Amino acid sequence: MHTAHLRNIQVYRTPNGKEPFNEWLKSIPDTKTRARVRAGLEQLRLGNFGNVKTVGEGVLELRFHFGVGYRIYFSEIRNTIILLLCGGDKSSQTRDIARAKRYWLKCKEENL
């Protein structure tokens, strides 16, 4: 269960320095859509996990009910940090979940 308290948001960085979440967010052409995604992140930061479900292995999915069905994949660290892993939409959901799980596993191996 998620309690309502402030969390810090961090972005996963691959070993070669890429940030898959930020790259995905920048790839969204519509500024209004990007703003809505950022508003969803603010809700997570404030502890509002209303549209969140688990997708397994410690990875959570925040769903947006507009556009092409945008999704953000993240994990929580010690109930205080939101680690943004990657993003996508309904059409790439299966691949995005697998990628998020790989990123999260890599983080755990590196002993965040």
PDB file of N, CA and C in Angstrom:
ATOM      1  N   MET A   1       0.837  -1.177   0.000  1.00  0.00           N
ATOM      2  CA  MET A   1       0.000   0.000   0.000  1.00  0.00           C
ATOM      3  C   MET A   1       0.884   1.243   0.000  1.00  0.00           C
ATOM      4  N   HIS A   2       0.489   2.215  -0.766  1.00  0.00           N
ATOM      5  CA  HIS A   2       1.239   3.457  -0.886  1.00  0.00           C
ATOM      6  C   HIS A   2       0.639   4.504   0.038  1.00  0.00           C
ATOM      7  N   THR A   3       1.485   5.084   0.864  1.00  0.00           N
ATOM      8  CA  THR A   3       1.020   6.139   1.749  1.00  0.00           C
ATOM      9  C   THR A   3       1.253   7.490   1.099  1.00  0.00           C
ATOM     10  N   ALA A   4       0.414   8.445   1.454  1.00  0.00           N
ATOM     11  CA  ALA A   4       0.505   9.779   0.867  1.00  0.00           C
ATOM     12  C   ALA A   4       1.558  10.601   1.600  1.00  0.00           C
ATOM     13  N   HIS A   5       2.719  10.681   1.012  1.00  0.00           N
ATOM     14  CA  HIS A   5       3.777  11.561   1.495  1.00  0.00           C
ATOM     15  C   HIS A   5       4.663  11.914   0.306  1.00  0.00           C
ATOM     16  N   LEU A   6       5.416  12.965   0.449  1.00  0.00           N
ATOM     17  CA  LEU A   6       6.268  13.411  -0.652  1.00  0.00           C
ATOM     18  C   LEU A   6       7.352  12.394  -0.961  1.00  0.00           C
ATOM     19  N   ARG A   7       7.601  12.236  -2.240  1.00  0.00           N
ATOM     20  CA  ARG A   7       8.659  11.357  -2.704  1.00  0.00           C
ATOM     21  C   ARG A   7       9.603  12.162  -3.599  1.00  0.00           C
ATOM     22  N   ASN A   8      10.825  11.732  -3.665  1.00  0.00           N
ATOM     23  CA  ASN A   8      11.781  12.309  -4.604  1.00  0.00           C
ATOM     24  C   ASN A   8      11.680  11.547  -5.913  1.00  0.00           C
ATOM     25  N   ILE A   9      11.762  12.267  -7.014  1.00  0.00           N
ATOM     26  CA  ILE A   9      11.715  11.615  -8.321  1.00  0.00           C
ATOM     27  C   ILE A   9      13.108  11.650  -8.927  1.00  0.00           C
ATOM     28  N   GLN A  10      13.565  10.477  -9.360  1.00  0.00           N
ATOM     29  CA  GLN A  10      14.852  10.346 -10.038  1.00  0.00           C
ATOM     30  C   GLN A  10      14.626   9.611 -11.348  1.00  0.00           C
ATOM     31  N   VAL A  11      15.542   9.796 -12.267  1.00  0.00           N
ATOM     32  CA  VAL A  11      15.449   9.169 -13.580  1.00  0.00           C
ATOM     33  C   VAL A  11      16.565   8.141 -13.712  1.00  0.00           C
ATOM     34  N   TYR A  12      16.188   6.940 -14.145  1.00  0.00           N
ATOM     35  CA  TYR A  12      17.174   5.885 -14.372  1.00  0.00           C
ATOM     36  C   TYR A  12      18.119   6.294 -15.494  1.00  0.00           C
ATOM     37  N   ARG A  13      19.405   6.052 -15.282  1.00  0.00           N
ATOM     38  CA  ARG A  13      20.426   6.315 -16.297  1.00  0.00           C
ATOM     39  C   ARG A  13      21.128   4.998 -16.619  1.00  0.00           C
ATOM     40  N   THR A  14      21.211   4.668 -17.902  1.00  0.00           N
ATOM     41  CA  THR A  14      21.875   3.439 -18.321  1.00  0.00           C
ATOM     42  C   THR A  14      23.379   3.560 -18.070  1.00  0.00           C
ATOM     43  N   PRO A  15      24.101   2.439 -18.101  1.00  0.00           N
ATOM     44  CA  PRO A  15      25.555   2.506 -17.901  1.00  0.00           C
ATOM     45  C   PRO A  15      26.266   3.426 -18.905  1.00  0.00           C
ATOM     46  N   ASN A  16      25.689   3.601 -20.097  1.00  0.00           N
ATOM     47  CA  ASN A  16      26.322   4.485 -21.084  1.00  0.00           C
ATOM     48  C   ASN A  16      25.785   5.918 -21.015  1.00  0.00           C
ATOM     49  N   GLY A  17      25.042   6.236 -19.953  1.00  0.00           N
ATOM     50  CA  GLY A  17      24.625   7.608 -19.707  1.00  0.00           C
ATOM     51  C   GLY A  17      23.301   8.041 -20.305  1.00  0.00           C
ATOM     52  N   LYS A  18      22.591   7.150 -20.969  1.00  0.00           N
ATOM     53  CA  LYS A  18      21.297   7.520 -21.549  1.00  0.00           C
ATOM     54  C   LYS A  18      20.212   7.495 -20.475  1.00  0.00           C
ATOM     55  N   GLU A  19      19.201   8.318 -20.669  1.00  0.00           N
ATOM     56  CA  GLU A  19      18.054   8.362 -19.763  1.00  0.00           C
ATOM     57  C   GLU A  19      16.804   8.018 -20.564  1.00  0.00           C
ATOM     58  N   PRO A  20      16.433   6.726 -20.604  1.00  0.00           N
ATOM     59  CA  PRO A  20      15.313   6.295 -21.445  1.00  0.00           C
ATOM     60  C   PRO A  20      14.017   7.056 -21.183  1.00  0.00           C
ATOM     61  N   PHE A  21      13.723   7.362 -19.924  1.00  0.00           N
ATOM     62  CA  PHE A  21      12.477   8.074 -19.647  1.00  0.00           C
ATOM     63  C   PHE A  21      12.498   9.461 -20.274  1.00  0.00           C
ATOM     64  N   ASN A  22      13.561  10.216 -20.048  1.00  0.00           N
ATOM     65  CA  ASN A  22      13.634  11.572 -20.595  1.00  0.00           C
ATOM     66  C   ASN A  22      13.646  11.567 -22.119  1.00  0.00           C
ATOM     67  N   GLU A  23      14.318  10.578 -22.711  1.00  0.00           N
ATOM     68  CA  GLU A  23      14.314  10.471 -24.172  1.00  0.00           C
ATOM     69  C   GLU A  23      12.894  10.238 -24.680  1.00  0.00           C
ATOM     70  N   TRP A  24      12.145   9.372 -24.001  1.00  0.00           N
ATOM     71  CA  TRP A  24      10.761   9.111 -24.400  1.00  0.00           C
ATOM     72  C   TRP A  24       9.918  10.369 -24.254  1.00  0.00           C
ATOM     73  N   LEU A  25      10.041  11.046 -23.120  1.00  0.00           N
ATOM     74  CA  LEU A  25       9.227  12.236 -22.883  1.00  0.00           C
ATOM     75  C   LEU A  25       9.505  13.304 -23.940  1.00  0.00           C
ATOM     76  N   LYS A  26      10.765  13.499 -24.273  1.00  0.00           N
ATOM     77  CA  LYS A  26      11.122  14.487 -25.299  1.00  0.00           C
ATOM     78  C   LYS A  26      10.608  14.099 -26.677  1.00  0.00           C
ATOM     79  N   SER A  27      10.378  12.806 -26.890  1.00  0.00           N
ATOM     80  CA  SER A  27       9.916  12.337 -28.206  1.00  0.00           C
ATOM     81  C   SER A  27       8.429  12.600 -28.436  1.00  0.00           C
ATOM     82  N   ILE A  28       7.695  12.940 -27.394  1.00  0.00           N
ATOM     83  CA  ILE A  28       6.269  13.242 -27.545  1.00  0.00           C
ATOM     84  C   ILE A  28       6.162  14.621 -28.193  1.00  0.00           C
ATOM     85  N   PRO A  29       5.589  14.692 -29.395  1.00  0.00           N
ATOM     86  CA  PRO A  29       5.608  15.960 -30.132  1.00  0.00           C
ATOM     87  C   PRO A  29       4.695  17.044 -29.564  1.00  0.00           C
ATOM     88  N   ASP A  30       3.647  16.663 -28.895  1.00  0.00           N
ATOM     89  CA  ASP A  30       2.642  17.614 -28.425  1.00  0.00           C
ATOM     90  C   ASP A  30       3.002  18.151 -27.040  1.00  0.00           C
ATOM     91  N   THR A  31       3.175  19.455 -26.921  1.00  0.00           N
ATOM     92  CA  THR A  31       3.552  20.045 -25.632  1.00  0.00           C
ATOM     93  C   THR A  31       2.465  19.879 -24.580  1.00  0.00           C
ATOM     94  N   LYS A  32       1.200  19.880 -24.983  1.00  0.00           N
ATOM     95  CA  LYS A  32       0.113  19.679 -24.015  1.00  0.00           C
ATOM     96  C   LYS A  32       0.169  18.274 -23.426  1.00  0.00           C
ATOM     97  N   THR A  33       0.476  17.300 -24.267  1.00  0.00           N
ATOM     98  CA  THR A  33       0.589  15.926 -23.779  1.00  0.00           C
ATOM     99  C   THR A  33       1.751  15.811 -22.805  1.00  0.00           C
ATOM    100  N   ARG A  34       2.894  16.390 -23.153  1.00  0.00           N
ATOM    101  CA  ARG A  34       4.040  16.360 -22.233  1.00  0.00           C
ATOM    102  C   ARG A  34       3.681  17.014 -20.897  1.00  0.00           C
ATOM    103  N   ALA A  35       2.932  18.104 -20.950  1.00  0.00           N
ATOM    104  CA  ALA A  35       2.517  18.783 -19.716  1.00  0.00           C
ATOM    105  C   ALA A  35       1.611  17.882 -18.879  1.00  0.00           C
ATOM    106  N   ARG A  36       0.729  17.148 -19.529  1.00  0.00           N
ATOM    107  CA  ARG A  36      -0.163  16.240 -18.785  1.00  0.00           C
ATOM    108  C   ARG A  36       0.631  15.101 -18.148  1.00  0.00           C
ATOM    109  N   VAL A  37       1.636  14.606 -18.861  1.00  0.00           N
ATOM    110  CA  VAL A  37       2.491  13.561 -18.296  1.00  0.00           C
ATOM    111  C   VAL A  37       3.241  14.115 -17.084  1.00  0.00           C
ATOM    112  N   ARG A  38       3.772  15.313 -17.205  1.00  0.00           N
ATOM    113  CA  ARG A  38       4.475  15.927 -16.065  1.00  0.00           C
ATOM    114  C   ARG A  38       3.531  16.133 -14.877  1.00  0.00           C
ATOM    115  N   ALA A  39       2.284  16.478 -15.153  1.00  0.00           N
ATOM    116  CA  ALA A  39       1.297  16.624 -14.073  1.00  0.00           C
ATOM    117  C   ALA A  39       1.074  15.281 -13.380  1.00  0.00           C
ATOM    118  N   GLY A  40       1.070  14.200 -14.148  1.00  0.00           N
ATOM    119  CA  GLY A  40       0.950  12.867 -13.560  1.00  0.00           C
ATOM    120  C   GLY A  40       2.137  12.538 -12.671  1.00  0.00           C
ATOM    121  N   LEU A  41       3.321  12.961 -13.089  1.00  0.00           N
ATOM    122  CA  LEU A  41       4.515  12.756 -12.265  1.00  0.00           C
ATOM    123  C   LEU A  41       4.413  13.523 -10.953  1.00  0.00           C
ATOM    124  N   GLU A  42       3.857  14.707 -11.028  1.00  0.00           N
ATOM    125  CA  GLU A  42       3.676  15.499  -9.807  1.00  0.00           C
ATOM    126  C   GLU A  42       2.723  14.784  -8.851  1.00  0.00           C
ATOM    127  N   GLN A  43       1.687  14.155  -9.389  1.00  0.00           N
ATOM    128  CA  GLN A  43       0.765  13.395  -8.540  1.00  0.00           C
ATOM    129  C   GLN A  43       1.497  12.243  -7.849  1.00  0.00           C
ATOM    130  N   LEU A  44       2.383  11.561  -8.584  1.00  0.00           N
ATOM    131  CA  LEU A  44       3.185  10.501  -7.966  1.00  0.00           C
ATOM    132  C   LEU A  44       4.056  11.075  -6.853  1.00  0.00           C
ATOM    133  N   ARG A  45       4.700  12.185  -7.132  1.00  0.00           N
ATOM    134  CA  ARG A  45       5.581  12.811  -6.150  1.00  0.00           C
ATOM    135  C   ARG A  45       4.825  13.134  -4.864  1.00  0.00           C
ATOM    136  N   LEU A  46       3.558  13.512  -5.017  1.00  0.00           N
ATOM    137  CA  LEU A  46       2.730  13.851  -3.859  1.00  0.00           C
ATOM    138  C   LEU A  46       2.129  12.620  -3.175  1.00  0.00           C
ATOM    139  N   GLY A  47       2.336  11.431  -3.759  1.00  0.00           N
ATOM    140  CA  GLY A  47       1.833  10.211  -3.148  1.00  0.00           C
ATOM    141  C   GLY A  47       0.498   9.738  -3.675  1.00  0.00           C
ATOM    142  N   ASN A  48      -0.002  10.336  -4.759  1.00  0.00           N
ATOM    143  CA  ASN A  48      -1.270   9.923  -5.358  1.00  0.00           C
ATOM    144  C   ASN A  48      -0.996   8.846  -6.405  1.00  0.00           C
ATOM    145  N   PHE A  49      -1.287   7.605  -6.062  1.00  0.00           N
ATOM    146  CA  PHE A  49      -1.026   6.468  -6.936  1.00  0.00           C
ATOM    147  C   PHE A  49      -2.322   5.934  -7.546  1.00  0.00           C
ATOM    148  N   GLY A  50      -3.265   6.806  -7.840  1.00  0.00           N
ATOM    149  CA  GLY A  50      -4.591   6.411  -8.296  1.00  0.00           C
ATOM    150  C   GLY A  50      -4.642   5.559  -9.547  1.00  0.00           C
ATOM    151  N   ASN A  51      -3.864   5.878 -10.567  1.00  0.00           N
ATOM    152  CA  ASN A  51      -3.896   5.121 -11.828  1.00  0.00           C
ATOM    153  C   ASN A  51      -2.687   4.214 -11.976  1.00  0.00           C
ATOM    154  N   VAL A  52      -2.192   3.694 -10.868  1.00  0.00           N
ATOM    155  CA  VAL A  52      -0.992   2.865 -10.868  1.00  0.00           C
ATOM    156  C   VAL A  52      -1.366   1.415 -10.621  1.00  0.00           C
ATOM    157  N   LYS A  53      -0.704   0.534 -11.367  1.00  0.00           N
ATOM    158  CA  LYS A  53      -0.851  -0.901 -11.098  1.00  0.00           C
ATOM    159  C   LYS A  53       0.520  -1.545 -11.202  1.00  0.00           C
ATOM    160  N   THR A  54       0.676  -2.662 -10.531  1.00  0.00           N
ATOM    161  CA  THR A  54       1.936  -3.388 -10.607  1.00  0.00           C
ATOM    162  C   THR A  54       1.956  -4.221 -11.885  1.00  0.00           C
ATOM    163  N   VAL A  55       3.136  -4.308 -12.494  1.00  0.00           N
ATOM    164  CA  VAL A  55       3.289  -5.154 -13.683  1.00  0.00           C
ATOM    165  C   VAL A  55       4.282  -6.273 -13.409  1.00  0.00           C
ATOM    166  N   GLY A  56       4.705  -6.397 -12.149  1.00  0.00           N
ATOM    167  CA  GLY A  56       5.550  -7.506 -11.737  1.00  0.00           C
ATOM    168  C   GLY A  56       7.002  -7.126 -11.525  1.00  0.00           C
ATOM    169  N   GLU A  57       7.658  -7.914 -10.698  1.00  0.00           N
ATOM    170  CA  GLU A  57       9.088  -7.796 -10.418  1.00  0.00           C
ATOM    171  C   GLU A  57       9.491  -6.421  -9.896  1.00  0.00           C
ATOM    172  N   GLY A  58       8.584  -5.777  -9.165  1.00  0.00           N
ATOM    173  CA  GLY A  58       8.895  -4.491  -8.564  1.00  0.00           C
ATOM    174  C   GLY A  58       8.668  -3.282  -9.449  1.00  0.00           C
ATOM    175  N   VAL A  59       8.120  -3.500 -10.638  1.00  0.00           N
ATOM    176  CA  VAL A  59       7.868  -2.401 -11.575  1.00  0.00           C
ATOM    177  C   VAL A  59       6.390  -2.031 -11.530  1.00  0.00           C
ATOM    178  N   LEU A  60       6.134  -0.732 -11.531  1.00  0.00           N
ATOM    179  CA  LEU A  60       4.776  -0.197 -11.510  1.00  0.00           C
ATOM    180  C   LEU A  60       4.509   0.570 -12.797  1.00  0.00           C
ATOM    181  N   GLU A  61       3.229   0.637 -13.157  1.00  0.00           N
ATOM    182  CA  GLU A  61       2.814   1.324 -14.380  1.00  0.00           C
ATOM    183  C   GLU A  61       1.801   2.407 -14.028  1.00  0.00           C
ATOM    184  N   LEU A  62       2.082   3.633 -14.441  1.00  0.00           N
ATOM    185  CA  LEU A  62       1.131   4.738 -14.324  1.00  0.00           C
ATOM    186  C   LEU A  62       0.475   4.905 -15.685  1.00  0.00           C
ATOM    187  N   ARG A  63      -0.851   4.730 -15.724  1.00  0.00           N
ATOM    188  CA  ARG A  63      -1.597   4.821 -16.985  1.00  0.00           C
ATOM    189  C   ARG A  63      -2.242   6.188 -17.122  1.00  0.00           C
ATOM    190  N   PHE A  64      -2.227   6.671 -18.345  1.00  0.00           N
ATOM    191  CA  PHE A  64      -2.910   7.918 -18.685  1.00  0.00           C
ATOM    192  C   PHE A  64      -4.046   7.573 -19.633  1.00  0.00           C
ATOM    193  N   HIS A  65      -5.214   8.093 -19.353  1.00  0.00           N
ATOM    194  CA  HIS A  65      -6.398   7.771 -20.152  1.00  0.00           C
ATOM    195  C   HIS A  65      -6.686   8.883 -21.153  1.00  0.00           C
ATOM    196  N   PHE A  66      -5.710   9.159 -21.999  1.00  0.00           N
ATOM    197  CA  PHE A  66      -5.887  10.115 -23.088  1.00  0.00           C
ATOM    198  C   PHE A  66      -4.878   9.770 -24.180  1.00  0.00           C
ATOM    199  N   GLY A  67      -5.084  10.325 -25.342  1.00  0.00           N
ATOM    200  CA  GLY A  67      -4.157  10.086 -26.447  1.00  0.00           C
ATOM    201  C   GLY A  67      -4.073   8.615 -26.793  1.00  0.00           C
ATOM    202  N   VAL A  68      -2.847   8.157 -26.977  1.00  0.00           N
ATOM    203  CA  VAL A  68      -2.611   6.772 -27.392  1.00  0.00           C
ATOM    204  C   VAL A  68      -2.437   5.827 -26.207  1.00  0.00           C
ATOM    205  N   GLY A  69      -2.869   6.255 -25.032  1.00  0.00           N
ATOM    206  CA  GLY A  69      -2.752   5.406 -23.846  1.00  0.00           C
ATOM    207  C   GLY A  69      -1.337   5.406 -23.294  1.00  0.00           C
ATOM    208  N   TYR A  70      -0.826   6.590 -23.012  1.00  0.00           N
ATOM    209  CA  TYR A  70       0.541   6.720 -22.505  1.00  0.00           C
ATOM    210  C   TYR A  70       0.700   6.006 -21.175  1.00  0.00           C
ATOM    211  N   ARG A  71       1.930   5.505 -20.946  1.00  0.00           N
ATOM    212  CA  ARG A  71       2.264   4.813 -19.713  1.00  0.00           C
ATOM    213  C   ARG A  71       3.661   5.218 -19.263  1.00  0.00           C
ATOM    214  N   ILE A  72       3.837   5.258 -17.957  1.00  0.00           N
ATOM    215  CA  ILE A  72       5.148   5.484 -17.360  1.00  0.00           C
ATOM    216  C   ILE A  72       5.451   4.276 -16.493  1.00  0.00           C
ATOM    217  N   TYR A  73       6.664   3.770 -16.607  1.00  0.00           N
ATOM    218  CA  TYR A  73       7.090   2.623 -15.812  1.00  0.00           C
ATOM    219  C   TYR A  73       8.134   3.094 -14.808  1.00  0.00           C
ATOM    220  N   PHE A  74       7.930   2.687 -13.554  1.00  0.00           N
ATOM    221  CA  PHE A  74       8.804   3.161 -12.486  1.00  0.00           C
ATOM    222  C   PHE A  74       8.865   2.138 -11.369  1.00  0.00           C
ATOM    223  N   SER A  75       9.788   2.358 -10.449  1.00  0.00           N
ATOM    224  CA  SER A  75       9.891   1.560  -9.231  1.00  0.00           C
ATOM    225  C   SER A  75      10.036   2.512  -8.062  1.00  0.00           C
ATOM    226  N   GLU A  76       9.728   1.997  -6.893  1.00  0.00           N
ATOM    227  CA  GLU A  76       9.884   2.774  -5.668  1.00  0.00           C
ATOM    228  C   GLU A  76      11.048   2.214  -4.874  1.00  0.00           C
ATOM    229  N   ILE A  77      11.830   3.109  -4.317  1.00  0.00           N
ATOM    230  CA  ILE A  77      12.964   2.716  -3.491  1.00  0.00           C
ATOM    231  C   ILE A  77      12.694   3.204  -2.074  1.00  0.00           C
ATOM    232  N   ARG A  78      12.608   2.262  -1.147  1.00  0.00           N
ATOM    233  CA  ARG A  78      12.381   2.566   0.277  1.00  0.00           C
ATOM    234  C   ARG A  78      11.202   3.507   0.513  1.00  0.00           C
ATOM    235  N   ASN A  79      10.202   3.431  -0.339  1.00  0.00           N
ATOM    236  CA  ASN A  79       8.973   4.217  -0.185  1.00  0.00           C
ATOM    237  C   ASN A  79       9.234   5.725  -0.141  1.00  0.00           C
ATOM    238  N   THR A  80      10.413   6.148  -0.630  1.00  0.00           N
ATOM    239  CA  THR A  80      10.738   7.574  -0.609  1.00  0.00           C
ATOM    240  C   THR A  80      11.187   8.109  -1.963  1.00  0.00           C
ATOM    241  N   ILE A  81      11.606   7.219  -2.849  1.00  0.00           N
ATOM    242  CA  ILE A  81      12.123   7.649  -4.151  1.00  0.00           C
ATOM    243  C   ILE A  81      11.341   6.963  -5.258  1.00  0.00           C
ATOM    244  N   ILE A  82      10.914   7.741  -6.234  1.00  0.00           N
ATOM    245  CA  ILE A  82      10.317   7.209  -7.452  1.00  0.00           C
ATOM    246  C   ILE A  82      11.428   7.185  -8.491  1.00  0.00           C
ATOM    247  N   LEU A  83      11.743   6.026  -9.024  1.00  0.00           N
ATOM    248  CA  LEU A  83      12.757   5.905 -10.064  1.00  0.00           C
ATOM    249  C   LEU A  83      12.054   5.683 -11.395  1.00  0.00           C
ATOM    250  N   LEU A  84      12.082   6.699 -12.261  1.00  0.00           N
ATOM    251  CA  LEU A  84      11.446   6.606 -13.573  1.00  0.00           C
ATOM    252  C   LEU A  84      12.328   5.766 -14.486  1.00  0.00           C
ATOM    253  N   LEU A  85      11.772   4.667 -14.988  1.00  0.00           N
ATOM    254  CA  LEU A  85      12.545   3.738 -15.801  1.00  0.00           C
ATOM    255  C   LEU A  85      12.403   4.019 -17.291  1.00  0.00           C
ATOM    256  N   CYS A  86      11.163   4.101 -17.772  1.00  0.00           N
ATOM    257  CA  CYS A  86      10.917   4.372 -19.188  1.00  0.00           C
ATOM    258  C   CYS A  86       9.448   4.713 -19.371  1.00  0.00           C
ATOM    259  N   GLY A  87       9.080   5.047 -20.579  1.00  0.00           N
ATOM    260  CA  GLY A  87       7.698   5.368 -20.895  1.00  0.00           C
ATOM    261  C   GLY A  87       7.318   4.758 -22.222  1.00  0.00           C
ATOM    262  N   GLY A  88       6.040   4.803 -22.525  1.00  0.00           N
ATOM    263  CA  GLY A  88       5.558   4.246 -23.781  1.00  0.00           C
ATOM    264  C   GLY A  88       4.073   4.477 -23.915  1.00  0.00           C
ATOM    265  N   ASP A  89       3.456   3.669 -24.768  1.00  0.00           N
ATOM    266  CA  ASP A  89       2.008   3.755 -24.934  1.00  0.00           C
ATOM    267  C   ASP A  89       1.443   2.350 -25.083  1.00  0.00           C
ATOM    268  N   LYS A  90       0.153   2.275 -25.250  1.00  0.00           N
ATOM    269  CA  LYS A  90      -0.527   0.978 -25.292  1.00  0.00           C
ATOM    270  C   LYS A  90       0.059   0.069 -26.371  1.00  0.00           C
ATOM    271  N   SER A  91       0.434   0.647 -27.519  1.00  0.00           N
ATOM    272  CA  SER A  91       0.919  -0.179 -28.630  1.00  0.00           C
ATOM    273  C   SER A  91       2.253  -0.855 -28.327  1.00  0.00           C
ATOM    274  N   SER A  92       3.055  -0.282 -27.440  1.00  0.00           N
ATOM    275  CA  SER A  92       4.368  -0.855 -27.128  1.00  0.00           C
ATOM    276  C   SER A  92       4.439  -1.392 -25.697  1.00  0.00           C
ATOM    277  N   GLN A  93       3.290  -1.576 -25.078  1.00  0.00           N
ATOM    278  CA  GLN A  93       3.216  -1.911 -23.657  1.00  0.00           C
ATOM    279  C   GLN A  93       4.034  -3.143 -23.279  1.00  0.00           C
ATOM    280  N   THR A  94       3.899  -4.224 -24.018  1.00  0.00           N
ATOM    281  CA  THR A  94       4.608  -5.460 -23.670  1.00  0.00           C
ATOM    282  C   THR A  94       6.114  -5.251 -23.713  1.00  0.00           C
ATOM    283  N   ARG A  95       6.603  -4.613 -24.762  1.00  0.00           N
ATOM    284  CA  ARG A  95       8.043  -4.341 -24.884  1.00  0.00           C
ATOM    285  C   ARG A  95       8.519  -3.379 -23.796  1.00  0.00           C
ATOM    286  N   ASP A  96       7.709  -2.370 -23.519  1.00  0.00           N
ATOM    287  CA  ASP A  96       8.087  -1.376 -22.509  1.00  0.00           C
ATOM    288  C   ASP A  96       8.172  -1.992 -21.117  1.00  0.00           C
ATOM    289  N   ILE A  97       7.244  -2.868 -20.799  1.00  0.00           N
ATOM    290  CA  ILE A  97       7.271  -3.536 -19.490  1.00  0.00           C
ATOM    291  C   ILE A  97       8.532  -4.382 -19.363  1.00  0.00           C
ATOM    292  N   ALA A  98       8.862  -5.136 -20.406  1.00  0.00           N
ATOM    293  CA  ALA A  98      10.070  -5.967 -20.379  1.00  0.00           C
ATOM    294  C   ALA A  98      11.316  -5.100 -20.212  1.00  0.00           C
ATOM    295  N   ARG A  99      11.352  -3.974 -20.905  1.00  0.00           N
ATOM    296  CA  ARG A  99      12.496  -3.068 -20.811  1.00  0.00           C
ATOM    297  C   ARG A  99      12.593  -2.469 -19.403  1.00  0.00           C
ATOM    298  N   ALA A 100      11.469  -2.051 -18.836  1.00  0.00           N
ATOM    299  CA  ALA A 100      11.461  -1.491 -17.483  1.00  0.00           C
ATOM    300  C   ALA A 100      11.957  -2.522 -16.470  1.00  0.00           C
ATOM    301  N   LYS A 101      11.539  -3.763 -16.630  1.00  0.00           N
ATOM    302  CA  LYS A 101      11.989  -4.818 -15.720  1.00  0.00           C
ATOM    303  C   LYS A 101      13.497  -5.028 -15.834  1.00  0.00           C
ATOM    304  N   ARG A 102      14.030  -4.979 -17.059  1.00  0.00           N
ATOM    305  CA  ARG A 102      15.484  -5.109 -17.239  1.00  0.00           C
ATOM    306  C   ARG A 102      16.218  -3.963 -16.541  1.00  0.00           C
ATOM    307  N   TYR A 103      15.717  -2.750 -16.717  1.00  0.00           N
ATOM    308  CA  TYR A 103      16.353  -1.593 -16.087  1.00  0.00           C
ATOM    309  C   TYR A 103      16.309  -1.714 -14.567  1.00  0.00           C
ATOM    310  N   TRP A 104      15.180  -2.127 -14.033  1.00  0.00           N
ATOM    311  CA  TRP A 104      15.042  -2.253 -12.583  1.00  0.00           C
ATOM    312  C   TRP A 104      15.975  -3.333 -12.045  1.00  0.00           C
ATOM    313  N   LEU A 105      16.067  -4.453 -12.743  1.00  0.00           N
ATOM    314  CA  LEU A 105      16.978  -5.517 -12.335  1.00  0.00           C
ATOM    315  C   LEU A 105      18.416  -5.001 -12.321  1.00  0.00           C
ATOM    316  N   LYS A 106      18.781  -4.249 -13.341  1.00  0.00           N
ATOM    317  CA  LYS A 106      20.127  -3.676 -13.407  1.00  0.00           C
ATOM    318  C   LYS A 106      20.372  -2.756 -12.208  1.00  0.00           C
ATOM    319  N   CYS A 107      19.388  -1.955 -11.860  1.00  0.00           N
ATOM    320  CA  CYS A 107      19.515  -1.065 -10.693  1.00  0.00           C
ATOM    321  C   CYS A 107      19.744  -1.857  -9.418  1.00  0.00           C
ATOM    322  N   LYS A 108      18.968  -2.915  -9.248  1.00  0.00           N
ATOM    323  CA  LYS A 108      19.105  -3.724  -8.032  1.00  0.00           C
ATOM    324  C   LYS A 108      20.471  -4.401  -7.980  1.00  0.00           C
ATOM    325  N   GLU A 109      20.973  -4.827  -9.141  1.00  0.00           N
ATOM    326  CA  GLU A 109      22.301  -5.449  -9.187  1.00  0.00           C
ATOM    327  C   GLU A 109      23.387  -4.462  -8.783  1.00  0.00           C
ATOM    328  N   GLU A 110      23.155  -3.196  -9.082  1.00  0.00           N
ATOM    329  CA  GLU A 110      24.134  -2.159  -8.748  1.00  0.00           C
ATOM    330  C   GLU A 110      23.937  -1.632  -7.332  1.00  0.00           C
ATOM    331  N   ASN A 111      23.020  -2.258  -6.589  1.00  0.00           N
ATOM    332  CA  ASN A 111      22.761  -1.902  -5.185  1.00  0.00           C
ATOM    333  C   ASN A 111      22.448  -0.430  -4.990  1.00  0.00           C
ATOM    334  N   LEU A 112      21.367  -0.003  -5.627  1.00  0.00           N
ATOM    335  CA  LEU A 112      20.960   1.393  -5.436  1.00  0.00           C
ATOM    336  C   LEU A 112      20.937   1.665  -3.991  1.00  0.00           C
TER     337      LEU A 112
END
